């Protein structure tokens, strides 16, 4: 069976630094007809379960721990029996949403997650958040970037635990070396490609925070 990607959008809010914003979040489900992983767990367990269908969920993978990406992760874990995995550098953000708890396991740079006949390579890309990661599937030609890289540039910084210079260099070092035809599936909004974004690097470097 060939691995494929399913997608749903959830609607809710994002809160940090005593500010709240309305957001639409992308949720990506990667696997075959029997098993899958879920990338991010924002606002709506029912919508995510609908995208999963009858498949076994091997893991819930978090691109970072802002509340609009992790809010229903524990509930989704209970519903599916799948562990929640996150880079440990984001534990401080996780505990803003889920105090006194931790995810079930850790993601590490260069870790390889096998599911449904494909591999997802973990790329640690701090900047938007200290534990932000991306997931790259060479055979599917896709990288899932969370809030690190969007159509048009880096994800937002200027809030607690974020840094503009760090995110730009993470993108330069870890993402822009991928094949230019690589699809970039983001945490919000439309997808793009590495080739469409890479010519803007020097502009981003000159932009500042």
N, C-alpha and C. Protein backbone atom coordinates (compact mmCIF):
# COMPACT_ATOMS: atom_id res chain seq x y z
N UNK A 1 0.83 -1.20 0.00
CA UNK A 1 0.00 0.00 0.00
C UNK A 1 0.87 1.25 0.00
N UNK A 2 0.47 2.21 -0.79
CA UNK A 2 1.23 3.46 -0.89
C UNK A 2 0.85 4.40 0.25
N UNK A 3 1.86 5.07 0.78
CA UNK A 3 1.59 6.11 1.76
C UNK A 3 0.95 7.32 1.08
N UNK A 4 0.08 7.99 1.81
CA UNK A 4 -0.56 9.18 1.28
C UNK A 4 -0.81 10.16 2.42
N UNK A 5 -1.23 11.35 2.06
CA UNK A 5 -1.42 12.44 3.02
C UNK A 5 -2.88 12.86 3.01
N UNK A 6 -3.48 12.92 4.19
CA UNK A 6 -4.82 13.48 4.35
C UNK A 6 -4.72 14.78 5.14
N UNK A 7 -5.72 15.62 4.99
CA UNK A 7 -5.63 16.99 5.50
C UNK A 7 -7.00 17.42 6.00
N UNK A 8 -7.01 18.07 7.15
CA UNK A 8 -8.22 18.73 7.62
C UNK A 8 -7.82 20.07 8.24
N UNK A 9 -8.79 20.95 8.38
CA UNK A 9 -8.56 22.27 8.97
C UNK A 9 -9.47 22.41 10.19
N UNK A 10 -8.90 22.84 11.31
CA UNK A 10 -9.69 23.10 12.49
C UNK A 10 -9.70 24.60 12.78
N UNK A 11 -10.75 25.05 13.42
CA UNK A 11 -10.95 26.47 13.68
C UNK A 11 -10.99 26.69 15.19
N UNK A 12 -10.23 27.67 15.66
CA UNK A 12 -10.22 27.96 17.08
C UNK A 12 -9.42 29.20 17.39
N UNK A 13 -8.69 29.17 18.50
CA UNK A 13 -7.93 30.33 18.94
C UNK A 13 -6.49 29.95 19.28
N UNK A 14 -5.65 30.96 19.32
CA UNK A 14 -4.26 30.85 19.78
C UNK A 14 -4.06 31.91 20.84
N UNK A 15 -3.54 31.51 22.00
CA UNK A 15 -3.32 32.43 23.11
C UNK A 15 -1.88 32.34 23.59
N UNK A 16 -1.22 33.49 23.70
CA UNK A 16 0.12 33.58 24.27
C UNK A 16 0.35 35.02 24.68
N UNK A 17 1.09 35.21 25.78
CA UNK A 17 1.42 36.56 26.26
C UNK A 17 0.16 37.40 26.48
N UNK A 18 -0.88 36.77 27.02
CA UNK A 18 -2.13 37.45 27.36
C UNK A 18 -2.86 38.04 26.16
N UNK A 19 -2.60 37.51 24.98
CA UNK A 19 -3.33 37.91 23.78
C UNK A 19 -3.93 36.66 23.14
N UNK A 20 -5.12 36.81 22.56
CA UNK A 20 -5.81 35.69 21.92
C UNK A 20 -6.21 36.09 20.51
N UNK A 21 -5.99 35.15 19.57
CA UNK A 21 -6.27 35.39 18.16
C UNK A 21 -7.09 34.23 17.61
N UNK A 22 -7.98 34.54 16.66
CA UNK A 22 -8.69 33.49 15.93
C UNK A 22 -7.76 32.90 14.87
N UNK A 23 -7.75 31.57 14.77
CA UNK A 23 -6.85 30.90 13.82
C UNK A 23 -7.54 29.70 13.19
N UNK A 24 -7.11 29.39 11.97
CA UNK A 24 -7.42 28.13 11.31
C UNK A 24 -6.13 27.33 11.24
N UNK A 25 -6.18 26.09 11.68
CA UNK A 25 -4.98 25.25 11.72
C UNK A 25 -5.09 24.07 10.77
N UNK A 26 -4.00 23.80 10.07
CA UNK A 26 -3.90 22.59 9.26
C UNK A 26 -3.51 21.40 10.14
N UNK A 27 -4.18 20.29 9.91
CA UNK A 27 -3.80 19.02 10.52
C UNK A 27 -3.48 18.06 9.39
N UNK A 28 -2.32 17.42 9.46
CA UNK A 28 -1.87 16.52 8.41
C UNK A 28 -1.82 15.10 8.96
N UNK A 29 -2.36 14.15 8.20
CA UNK A 29 -2.37 12.74 8.57
C UNK A 29 -1.60 11.99 7.49
N UNK A 30 -0.54 11.29 7.90
CA UNK A 30 0.37 10.64 6.95
C UNK A 30 0.39 9.14 7.23
N UNK A 31 0.19 8.33 6.20
CA UNK A 31 0.26 6.89 6.36
C UNK A 31 -0.37 6.18 5.18
N UNK A 32 -0.70 4.89 5.40
CA UNK A 32 -1.39 4.13 4.36
C UNK A 32 -2.81 3.85 4.82
N UNK A 33 -3.43 2.81 4.29
CA UNK A 33 -4.82 2.53 4.64
C UNK A 33 -4.97 1.83 5.99
N UNK A 34 -3.85 1.41 6.59
CA UNK A 34 -3.90 0.67 7.84
C UNK A 34 -3.38 1.46 9.03
N UNK A 35 -2.38 2.29 8.84
CA UNK A 35 -1.79 3.00 9.96
C UNK A 35 -1.36 4.40 9.53
N UNK A 36 -1.23 5.28 10.52
CA UNK A 36 -0.89 6.67 10.21
C UNK A 36 -0.29 7.35 11.42
N UNK A 37 0.26 8.52 11.19
CA UNK A 37 0.59 9.46 12.26
C UNK A 37 -0.20 10.74 12.02
N UNK A 38 -0.45 11.47 13.08
CA UNK A 38 -1.14 12.76 13.01
C UNK A 38 -0.13 13.85 13.36
N UNK A 39 -0.06 14.88 12.52
CA UNK A 39 0.84 16.00 12.77
C UNK A 39 0.03 17.17 13.30
N UNK A 40 0.20 17.44 14.59
CA UNK A 40 -0.46 18.50 15.36
C UNK A 40 -1.89 18.13 15.74
N UNK A 41 -2.31 18.70 16.88
CA UNK A 41 -3.62 18.37 17.46
C UNK A 41 -4.25 19.65 18.00
N UNK A 42 -4.81 20.49 17.10
CA UNK A 42 -5.24 21.82 17.49
C UNK A 42 -6.52 21.90 18.33
N UNK A 43 -7.69 21.92 17.69
CA UNK A 43 -8.90 22.36 18.38
C UNK A 43 -10.04 21.35 18.41
N UNK A 44 -10.05 20.37 17.54
CA UNK A 44 -11.28 19.62 17.26
C UNK A 44 -10.96 18.14 17.08
N UNK A 45 -11.14 17.37 18.15
CA UNK A 45 -10.83 15.94 18.09
C UNK A 45 -11.69 15.24 17.05
N UNK A 46 -12.97 15.58 16.97
CA UNK A 46 -13.87 14.89 16.02
C UNK A 46 -13.40 15.06 14.59
N UNK A 47 -12.96 16.25 14.22
CA UNK A 47 -12.49 16.48 12.85
C UNK A 47 -11.23 15.67 12.56
N UNK A 48 -10.35 15.57 13.55
CA UNK A 48 -9.12 14.80 13.35
C UNK A 48 -9.44 13.31 13.25
N UNK A 49 -10.33 12.82 14.10
CA UNK A 49 -10.71 11.41 14.03
C UNK A 49 -11.36 11.08 12.69
N UNK A 50 -12.10 12.02 12.14
CA UNK A 50 -12.72 11.80 10.83
C UNK A 50 -11.64 11.65 9.75
N UNK A 51 -10.57 12.43 9.85
CA UNK A 51 -9.47 12.31 8.88
C UNK A 51 -8.70 11.01 9.05
N UNK A 52 -8.64 10.51 10.28
CA UNK A 52 -7.95 9.25 10.56
C UNK A 52 -8.73 8.06 10.03
N UNK A 53 -10.04 8.09 10.20
CA UNK A 53 -10.88 6.96 9.80
C UNK A 53 -10.65 5.77 10.71
N UNK A 54 -10.53 4.59 10.12
CA UNK A 54 -10.39 3.35 10.90
C UNK A 54 -8.93 2.96 11.13
N UNK A 55 -8.01 3.79 10.73
CA UNK A 55 -6.59 3.44 10.82
C UNK A 55 -6.06 3.45 12.25
N UNK A 56 -5.03 2.65 12.47
CA UNK A 56 -4.31 2.70 13.73
C UNK A 56 -3.39 3.92 13.72
N UNK A 57 -3.45 4.71 14.77
CA UNK A 57 -2.58 5.89 14.89
C UNK A 57 -1.33 5.48 15.66
N UNK A 58 -0.18 5.57 14.99
CA UNK A 58 1.08 5.16 15.62
C UNK A 58 1.63 6.23 16.56
N UNK A 59 1.37 7.49 16.24
CA UNK A 59 1.87 8.58 17.09
C UNK A 59 1.19 9.88 16.71
N UNK A 60 1.12 10.79 17.67
CA UNK A 60 0.69 12.16 17.46
C UNK A 60 1.95 13.02 17.55
N UNK A 61 2.35 13.59 16.43
CA UNK A 61 3.61 14.32 16.32
C UNK A 61 3.35 15.81 16.38
N UNK A 62 4.02 16.50 17.27
CA UNK A 62 3.79 17.93 17.46
C UNK A 62 4.93 18.73 16.84
N UNK A 63 4.57 19.68 15.97
CA UNK A 63 5.59 20.55 15.39
C UNK A 63 6.14 21.54 16.41
N UNK A 64 5.32 21.92 17.38
CA UNK A 64 5.74 22.76 18.49
C UNK A 64 4.58 22.81 19.46
N UNK A 65 4.76 23.51 20.59
CA UNK A 65 3.79 23.39 21.68
C UNK A 65 2.96 24.63 21.93
N UNK A 66 2.81 25.53 20.96
CA UNK A 66 1.82 26.59 21.13
C UNK A 66 0.44 25.96 21.26
N UNK A 67 -0.43 26.62 22.01
CA UNK A 67 -1.68 25.96 22.39
C UNK A 67 -2.56 25.60 21.20
N UNK A 68 -2.45 26.33 20.10
CA UNK A 68 -3.29 26.00 18.94
C UNK A 68 -2.75 24.80 18.17
N UNK A 69 -1.67 24.20 18.61
CA UNK A 69 -1.15 22.99 17.99
C UNK A 69 -1.21 21.78 18.92
N UNK A 70 -1.48 22.00 20.21
CA UNK A 70 -1.44 20.90 21.19
C UNK A 70 -2.69 20.79 22.04
N UNK A 71 -3.67 21.65 21.82
CA UNK A 71 -4.76 21.76 22.80
C UNK A 71 -5.49 20.45 23.02
N UNK A 72 -5.77 19.69 21.97
CA UNK A 72 -6.53 18.45 22.14
C UNK A 72 -5.63 17.22 22.06
N UNK A 73 -4.31 17.41 22.17
CA UNK A 73 -3.40 16.26 22.07
C UNK A 73 -3.69 15.19 23.12
N UNK A 74 -3.86 15.52 24.41
CA UNK A 74 -4.16 14.46 25.37
C UNK A 74 -5.49 13.75 25.08
N UNK A 75 -6.50 14.50 24.68
CA UNK A 75 -7.79 13.89 24.36
C UNK A 75 -7.68 13.00 23.13
N UNK A 76 -6.94 13.44 22.12
CA UNK A 76 -6.75 12.62 20.93
C UNK A 76 -5.96 11.36 21.27
N UNK A 77 -4.99 11.48 22.16
CA UNK A 77 -4.23 10.32 22.60
C UNK A 77 -5.13 9.30 23.30
N UNK A 78 -6.01 9.78 24.15
CA UNK A 78 -6.94 8.86 24.82
C UNK A 78 -7.87 8.18 23.83
N UNK A 79 -8.29 8.92 22.82
CA UNK A 79 -9.24 8.37 21.84
C UNK A 79 -8.59 7.34 20.93
N UNK A 80 -7.30 7.48 20.67
CA UNK A 80 -6.62 6.62 19.69
C UNK A 80 -5.65 5.63 20.31
N UNK A 81 -5.24 5.87 21.54
CA UNK A 81 -4.20 5.05 22.16
C UNK A 81 -2.80 5.38 21.69
N UNK A 82 -2.63 6.45 20.93
CA UNK A 82 -1.33 6.80 20.37
C UNK A 82 -0.56 7.72 21.32
N UNK A 83 0.76 7.58 21.38
CA UNK A 83 1.55 8.48 22.21
C UNK A 83 1.70 9.86 21.57
N UNK A 84 1.81 10.86 22.42
CA UNK A 84 2.10 12.23 21.98
C UNK A 84 3.60 12.45 22.06
N UNK A 85 4.21 12.86 20.94
CA UNK A 85 5.65 13.05 20.88
C UNK A 85 5.97 14.51 20.56
N UNK A 86 6.95 15.07 21.27
CA UNK A 86 7.29 16.49 21.14
C UNK A 86 8.77 16.68 21.46
N UNK A 87 9.39 17.69 20.87
CA UNK A 87 10.77 18.01 21.23
C UNK A 87 10.80 18.57 22.65
N UNK A 88 11.71 18.11 23.50
CA UNK A 88 11.69 18.51 24.91
C UNK A 88 11.93 20.00 25.15
N UNK A 89 12.53 20.70 24.20
CA UNK A 89 12.78 22.13 24.40
C UNK A 89 11.49 22.94 24.45
N UNK A 90 10.37 22.33 24.10
CA UNK A 90 9.09 23.04 24.14
C UNK A 90 8.25 22.69 25.37
N UNK A 91 8.84 22.01 26.34
CA UNK A 91 8.05 21.60 27.50
C UNK A 91 7.47 22.80 28.24
N UNK A 92 8.21 23.90 28.32
CA UNK A 92 7.70 25.08 29.02
C UNK A 92 6.43 25.60 28.35
N UNK A 93 6.35 25.54 27.02
CA UNK A 93 5.15 25.97 26.31
C UNK A 93 4.03 24.96 26.48
N UNK A 94 4.35 23.67 26.42
CA UNK A 94 3.34 22.63 26.64
C UNK A 94 2.64 22.84 27.98
N UNK A 95 3.41 23.14 29.01
CA UNK A 95 2.84 23.23 30.34
C UNK A 95 2.02 24.50 30.56
N UNK A 96 2.11 25.47 29.65
CA UNK A 96 1.18 26.59 29.70
C UNK A 96 -0.24 26.14 29.38
N UNK A 97 -0.37 25.11 28.53
CA UNK A 97 -1.68 24.58 28.14
C UNK A 97 -2.08 23.38 28.97
N UNK A 98 -1.11 22.55 29.31
CA UNK A 98 -1.37 21.31 30.06
C UNK A 98 -0.49 21.27 31.30
N UNK A 99 -0.80 22.10 32.31
CA UNK A 99 0.08 22.22 33.48
C UNK A 99 0.27 20.90 34.21
N UNK A 100 1.49 20.70 34.68
CA UNK A 100 1.78 19.53 35.49
C UNK A 100 1.86 18.22 34.72
N UNK A 101 1.86 18.29 33.40
CA UNK A 101 1.93 17.08 32.59
C UNK A 101 3.08 17.20 31.59
N UNK A 102 3.39 16.07 30.96
CA UNK A 102 4.38 16.03 29.89
C UNK A 102 3.84 15.17 28.77
N UNK A 103 4.31 15.36 27.54
CA UNK A 103 3.96 14.43 26.48
C UNK A 103 4.48 13.03 26.81
N UNK A 104 4.09 12.06 25.99
CA UNK A 104 4.44 10.67 26.26
C UNK A 104 5.87 10.33 25.86
N UNK A 105 6.44 11.09 24.95
CA UNK A 105 7.79 10.79 24.49
C UNK A 105 8.39 12.00 23.81
N UNK A 106 9.66 11.87 23.46
CA UNK A 106 10.41 12.99 22.89
C UNK A 106 10.72 12.77 21.42
N UNK A 107 10.78 13.88 20.70
CA UNK A 107 11.31 13.91 19.34
C UNK A 107 12.72 14.46 19.40
N UNK A 108 13.62 13.88 18.61
CA UNK A 108 15.00 14.35 18.57
C UNK A 108 15.41 14.63 17.14
N UNK A 109 16.33 15.56 16.98
CA UNK A 109 16.83 15.91 15.65
C UNK A 109 17.41 14.67 14.97
N UNK A 110 17.07 14.50 13.71
CA UNK A 110 17.52 13.39 12.86
C UNK A 110 16.84 12.06 13.18
N UNK A 111 15.90 12.06 14.12
CA UNK A 111 15.09 10.86 14.36
C UNK A 111 14.31 10.52 13.10
N UNK A 112 14.11 9.23 12.86
CA UNK A 112 13.33 8.78 11.71
C UNK A 112 12.12 8.00 12.22
N UNK A 113 10.95 8.42 11.79
CA UNK A 113 9.69 7.79 12.18
C UNK A 113 9.14 7.05 10.97
N UNK A 114 8.95 5.75 11.12
CA UNK A 114 8.44 4.92 10.03
C UNK A 114 6.95 4.70 10.22
N UNK A 115 6.19 4.91 9.16
CA UNK A 115 4.74 4.68 9.22
C UNK A 115 4.21 4.45 7.82
N UNK A 116 3.39 3.44 7.67
CA UNK A 116 2.66 3.23 6.42
C UNK A 116 3.53 3.18 5.18
N UNK A 117 4.73 2.63 5.30
CA UNK A 117 5.59 2.51 4.14
C UNK A 117 6.38 3.75 3.78
N UNK A 118 6.37 4.75 4.64
CA UNK A 118 7.17 5.94 4.40
C UNK A 118 7.95 6.29 5.65
N UNK A 119 8.84 7.24 5.53
CA UNK A 119 9.64 7.72 6.66
C UNK A 119 9.46 9.23 6.81
N UNK A 120 9.41 9.65 8.05
CA UNK A 120 9.43 11.08 8.38
C UNK A 120 10.70 11.36 9.16
N UNK A 121 11.52 12.26 8.63
CA UNK A 121 12.77 12.64 9.27
C UNK A 121 12.53 13.90 10.09
N UNK A 122 12.91 13.85 11.36
CA UNK A 122 12.70 14.98 12.26
C UNK A 122 13.84 15.98 12.09
N UNK A 123 13.47 17.24 11.83
CA UNK A 123 14.43 18.33 11.70
C UNK A 123 14.15 19.37 12.78
N UNK A 124 15.07 19.54 13.72
CA UNK A 124 14.89 20.55 14.76
C UNK A 124 15.12 21.93 14.16
N UNK A 125 14.10 22.77 14.21
CA UNK A 125 14.15 24.09 13.58
C UNK A 125 13.69 25.17 14.56
N UNK A 126 14.48 25.44 15.60
CA UNK A 126 14.05 26.43 16.60
C UNK A 126 13.93 27.83 16.00
N UNK A 127 13.19 28.66 16.71
CA UNK A 127 13.00 30.05 16.30
C UNK A 127 11.59 30.53 16.60
N UNK A 128 10.60 29.91 15.96
CA UNK A 128 9.21 30.21 16.30
C UNK A 128 8.93 29.75 17.72
N UNK A 129 9.51 28.63 18.07
CA UNK A 129 9.50 28.10 19.43
C UNK A 129 10.80 27.33 19.61
N UNK A 130 11.29 27.19 20.84
CA UNK A 130 12.60 26.55 21.02
C UNK A 130 12.64 25.09 20.60
N UNK A 131 11.50 24.41 20.71
CA UNK A 131 11.45 23.01 20.33
C UNK A 131 10.75 22.75 19.02
N UNK A 132 10.63 23.76 18.18
CA UNK A 132 9.95 23.57 16.89
C UNK A 132 10.70 22.55 16.04
N UNK A 133 9.94 21.68 15.39
CA UNK A 133 10.51 20.70 14.47
C UNK A 133 9.70 20.68 13.18
N UNK A 134 10.35 20.18 12.13
CA UNK A 134 9.68 19.90 10.87
C UNK A 134 9.83 18.41 10.59
N UNK A 135 8.96 17.87 9.75
CA UNK A 135 8.98 16.46 9.41
C UNK A 135 9.11 16.34 7.89
N UNK A 136 10.21 15.71 7.45
CA UNK A 136 10.51 15.60 6.02
C UNK A 136 10.35 14.17 5.56
N UNK A 137 9.55 13.99 4.51
CA UNK A 137 9.38 12.68 3.88
C UNK A 137 10.04 12.72 2.51
N UNK A 138 11.24 12.14 2.36
CA UNK A 138 11.91 12.17 1.06
C UNK A 138 11.11 11.50 -0.05
N UNK A 139 10.49 10.35 0.25
CA UNK A 139 9.81 9.63 -0.83
C UNK A 139 8.50 10.29 -1.23
N UNK A 140 7.84 10.98 -0.30
CA UNK A 140 6.63 11.72 -0.65
C UNK A 140 6.95 13.11 -1.19
N UNK A 141 8.19 13.56 -1.01
CA UNK A 141 8.59 14.88 -1.50
C UNK A 141 7.90 16.02 -0.78
N UNK A 142 7.74 15.86 0.54
CA UNK A 142 6.98 16.82 1.34
C UNK A 142 7.73 17.10 2.64
N UNK A 143 7.70 18.34 3.09
CA UNK A 143 8.13 18.68 4.43
C UNK A 143 6.98 19.40 5.14
N UNK A 144 6.69 18.97 6.35
CA UNK A 144 5.64 19.56 7.17
C UNK A 144 6.32 20.52 8.14
N UNK A 145 6.04 21.81 7.99
CA UNK A 145 6.84 22.83 8.67
C UNK A 145 6.18 23.48 9.87
N UNK A 146 4.96 23.08 10.22
CA UNK A 146 4.32 23.75 11.35
C UNK A 146 4.28 25.25 11.13
N UNK A 147 4.78 26.00 12.11
CA UNK A 147 4.81 27.46 11.99
C UNK A 147 6.22 27.99 11.74
N UNK A 148 7.11 27.13 11.22
CA UNK A 148 8.48 27.57 10.93
C UNK A 148 8.58 28.27 9.59
N UNK A 149 8.01 27.68 8.54
CA UNK A 149 8.09 28.27 7.20
C UNK A 149 6.71 28.26 6.57
N UNK A 150 6.32 29.41 6.03
CA UNK A 150 5.04 29.58 5.36
C UNK A 150 5.25 30.03 3.92
N UNK A 151 4.16 30.06 3.16
CA UNK A 151 4.16 30.74 1.87
C UNK A 151 4.46 32.21 2.12
N UNK A 152 5.65 32.66 1.72
CA UNK A 152 6.01 34.06 1.91
C UNK A 152 7.01 34.33 3.00
N UNK A 153 7.39 33.31 3.78
CA UNK A 153 8.44 33.59 4.74
C UNK A 153 8.35 32.86 6.05
N UNK A 154 9.21 33.26 7.00
CA UNK A 154 9.26 32.60 8.30
C UNK A 154 8.00 32.83 9.11
N UNK A 155 7.77 31.92 10.07
CA UNK A 155 6.69 32.10 11.02
C UNK A 155 6.95 33.26 11.96
N UNK A 156 5.91 33.62 12.69
CA UNK A 156 5.97 34.79 13.58
C UNK A 156 6.96 34.57 14.72
N UNK A 157 7.64 35.66 15.06
CA UNK A 157 8.47 35.70 16.27
C UNK A 157 8.06 36.95 17.03
N UNK A 158 8.87 37.38 17.96
CA UNK A 158 8.53 38.57 18.73
C UNK A 158 7.65 38.29 19.92
N UNK A 159 7.37 37.00 20.18
CA UNK A 159 6.63 36.62 21.38
C UNK A 159 7.54 35.80 22.29
N UNK A 160 7.05 35.45 23.45
CA UNK A 160 7.85 34.68 24.39
C UNK A 160 8.40 33.42 23.75
N UNK A 161 9.66 33.15 24.03
CA UNK A 161 10.35 31.92 23.61
C UNK A 161 10.58 31.85 22.10
N UNK A 162 10.53 32.98 21.39
CA UNK A 162 10.79 32.97 19.95
C UNK A 162 11.91 33.95 19.63
N UNK A 163 12.53 33.76 18.44
CA UNK A 163 13.63 34.63 18.05
C UNK A 163 13.73 34.65 16.53
N UNK A 164 13.73 35.85 15.95
CA UNK A 164 13.70 35.97 14.49
C UNK A 164 14.99 35.46 13.84
N UNK A 165 16.14 35.88 14.35
CA UNK A 165 17.39 35.43 13.75
C UNK A 165 17.53 33.92 13.77
N UNK A 166 17.06 33.31 14.85
CA UNK A 166 17.15 31.86 14.97
C UNK A 166 16.26 31.16 13.95
N UNK A 167 15.04 31.65 13.74
CA UNK A 167 14.15 30.98 12.80
C UNK A 167 14.68 31.10 11.37
N UNK A 168 15.23 32.25 11.01
CA UNK A 168 15.76 32.41 9.66
C UNK A 168 16.92 31.46 9.41
N UNK A 169 17.81 31.32 10.39
CA UNK A 169 18.94 30.42 10.19
C UNK A 169 18.51 28.96 10.25
N UNK A 170 17.48 28.64 11.02
CA UNK A 170 16.93 27.28 10.99
C UNK A 170 16.41 26.94 9.60
N UNK A 171 15.68 27.87 9.00
CA UNK A 171 15.16 27.66 7.65
C UNK A 171 16.31 27.50 6.66
N UNK A 172 17.30 28.37 6.77
CA UNK A 172 18.44 28.32 5.85
C UNK A 172 19.21 27.01 5.99
N UNK A 173 19.45 26.59 7.23
CA UNK A 173 20.31 25.43 7.48
C UNK A 173 19.59 24.10 7.28
N UNK A 174 18.30 24.04 7.62
CA UNK A 174 17.63 22.75 7.68
C UNK A 174 16.61 22.52 6.57
N UNK A 175 16.09 23.59 5.98
CA UNK A 175 15.00 23.44 5.01
C UNK A 175 15.39 23.81 3.58
N UNK A 176 16.10 24.89 3.39
CA UNK A 176 16.33 25.38 2.03
C UNK A 176 17.29 24.52 1.23
N UNK A 177 17.96 23.58 1.89
CA UNK A 177 18.79 22.62 1.18
C UNK A 177 18.03 21.42 0.65
N UNK A 178 16.75 21.31 0.98
CA UNK A 178 15.93 20.22 0.44
C UNK A 178 15.70 20.46 -1.05
N UNK A 179 15.34 19.42 -1.81
CA UNK A 179 15.10 19.62 -3.24
C UNK A 179 14.08 20.73 -3.48
N UNK A 180 14.30 21.58 -4.48
CA UNK A 180 13.42 22.74 -4.69
C UNK A 180 11.97 22.37 -4.96
N UNK A 181 11.73 21.18 -5.49
CA UNK A 181 10.35 20.77 -5.77
C UNK A 181 9.62 20.25 -4.54
N UNK A 182 10.30 20.19 -3.39
CA UNK A 182 9.68 19.69 -2.17
C UNK A 182 8.49 20.55 -1.78
N UNK A 183 7.34 19.91 -1.60
CA UNK A 183 6.16 20.60 -1.11
C UNK A 183 6.34 20.99 0.35
N UNK A 184 5.88 22.16 0.71
CA UNK A 184 5.91 22.64 2.08
C UNK A 184 4.47 22.72 2.58
N UNK A 185 4.11 21.79 3.45
CA UNK A 185 2.78 21.79 4.06
C UNK A 185 2.88 22.47 5.43
N UNK A 186 2.18 23.55 5.59
CA UNK A 186 2.37 24.46 6.73
C UNK A 186 1.33 24.23 7.82
N UNK A 187 1.53 24.91 8.95
CA UNK A 187 0.59 24.80 10.06
C UNK A 187 -0.66 25.63 9.89
N UNK A 188 -0.60 26.64 9.04
CA UNK A 188 -1.75 27.50 8.74
C UNK A 188 -1.66 27.91 7.27
N UNK A 189 -2.80 28.02 6.62
CA UNK A 189 -2.80 28.58 5.28
C UNK A 189 -2.35 27.62 4.20
N UNK A 190 -1.98 28.21 3.05
CA UNK A 190 -1.71 27.42 1.86
C UNK A 190 -0.30 26.84 1.87
N UNK A 191 -0.13 25.79 1.07
CA UNK A 191 1.17 25.16 0.92
C UNK A 191 2.01 25.94 -0.09
N UNK A 192 3.31 25.62 -0.10
CA UNK A 192 4.23 26.25 -1.03
C UNK A 192 5.28 25.21 -1.41
N UNK A 193 6.40 25.63 -1.96
CA UNK A 193 7.52 24.72 -2.24
C UNK A 193 8.81 25.35 -1.74
N UNK A 194 9.80 24.51 -1.54
CA UNK A 194 11.12 25.03 -1.16
C UNK A 194 11.65 25.97 -2.23
N UNK A 195 11.48 25.60 -3.49
CA UNK A 195 11.98 26.42 -4.59
C UNK A 195 11.34 27.78 -4.67
N UNK A 196 10.07 27.88 -4.26
CA UNK A 196 9.39 29.17 -4.28
C UNK A 196 9.87 30.09 -3.17
N UNK A 197 10.31 29.51 -2.07
CA UNK A 197 10.68 30.32 -0.90
C UNK A 197 12.17 30.65 -0.84
N UNK A 198 13.02 29.76 -1.34
CA UNK A 198 14.46 29.93 -1.13
C UNK A 198 15.05 31.22 -1.70
N UNK A 199 14.54 31.77 -2.82
CA UNK A 199 15.13 33.02 -3.31
C UNK A 199 14.97 34.21 -2.37
N UNK A 200 14.10 34.09 -1.37
CA UNK A 200 13.82 35.21 -0.47
C UNK A 200 14.73 35.25 0.75
N UNK A 201 15.67 34.31 0.86
CA UNK A 201 16.46 34.18 2.08
C UNK A 201 17.17 35.48 2.46
N UNK A 202 17.85 36.11 1.53
CA UNK A 202 18.60 37.32 1.89
C UNK A 202 17.67 38.46 2.30
N UNK A 203 16.50 38.51 1.70
CA UNK A 203 15.50 39.50 2.14
C UNK A 203 15.10 39.25 3.58
N UNK A 204 14.87 37.98 3.93
CA UNK A 204 14.50 37.66 5.32
C UNK A 204 15.62 38.04 6.27
N UNK A 205 16.85 37.74 5.88
CA UNK A 205 17.98 38.07 6.75
C UNK A 205 18.09 39.58 6.97
N UNK A 206 17.72 40.36 5.97
CA UNK A 206 17.81 41.80 6.09
C UNK A 206 16.63 42.45 6.77
N UNK A 207 15.58 41.66 6.98
CA UNK A 207 14.34 42.21 7.51
C UNK A 207 14.44 42.53 9.00
N UNK A 208 15.18 41.73 9.74
CA UNK A 208 15.23 41.90 11.19
C UNK A 208 13.96 41.40 11.82
N UNK A 209 13.84 41.61 13.13
CA UNK A 209 12.71 41.06 13.89
C UNK A 209 11.42 41.80 13.51
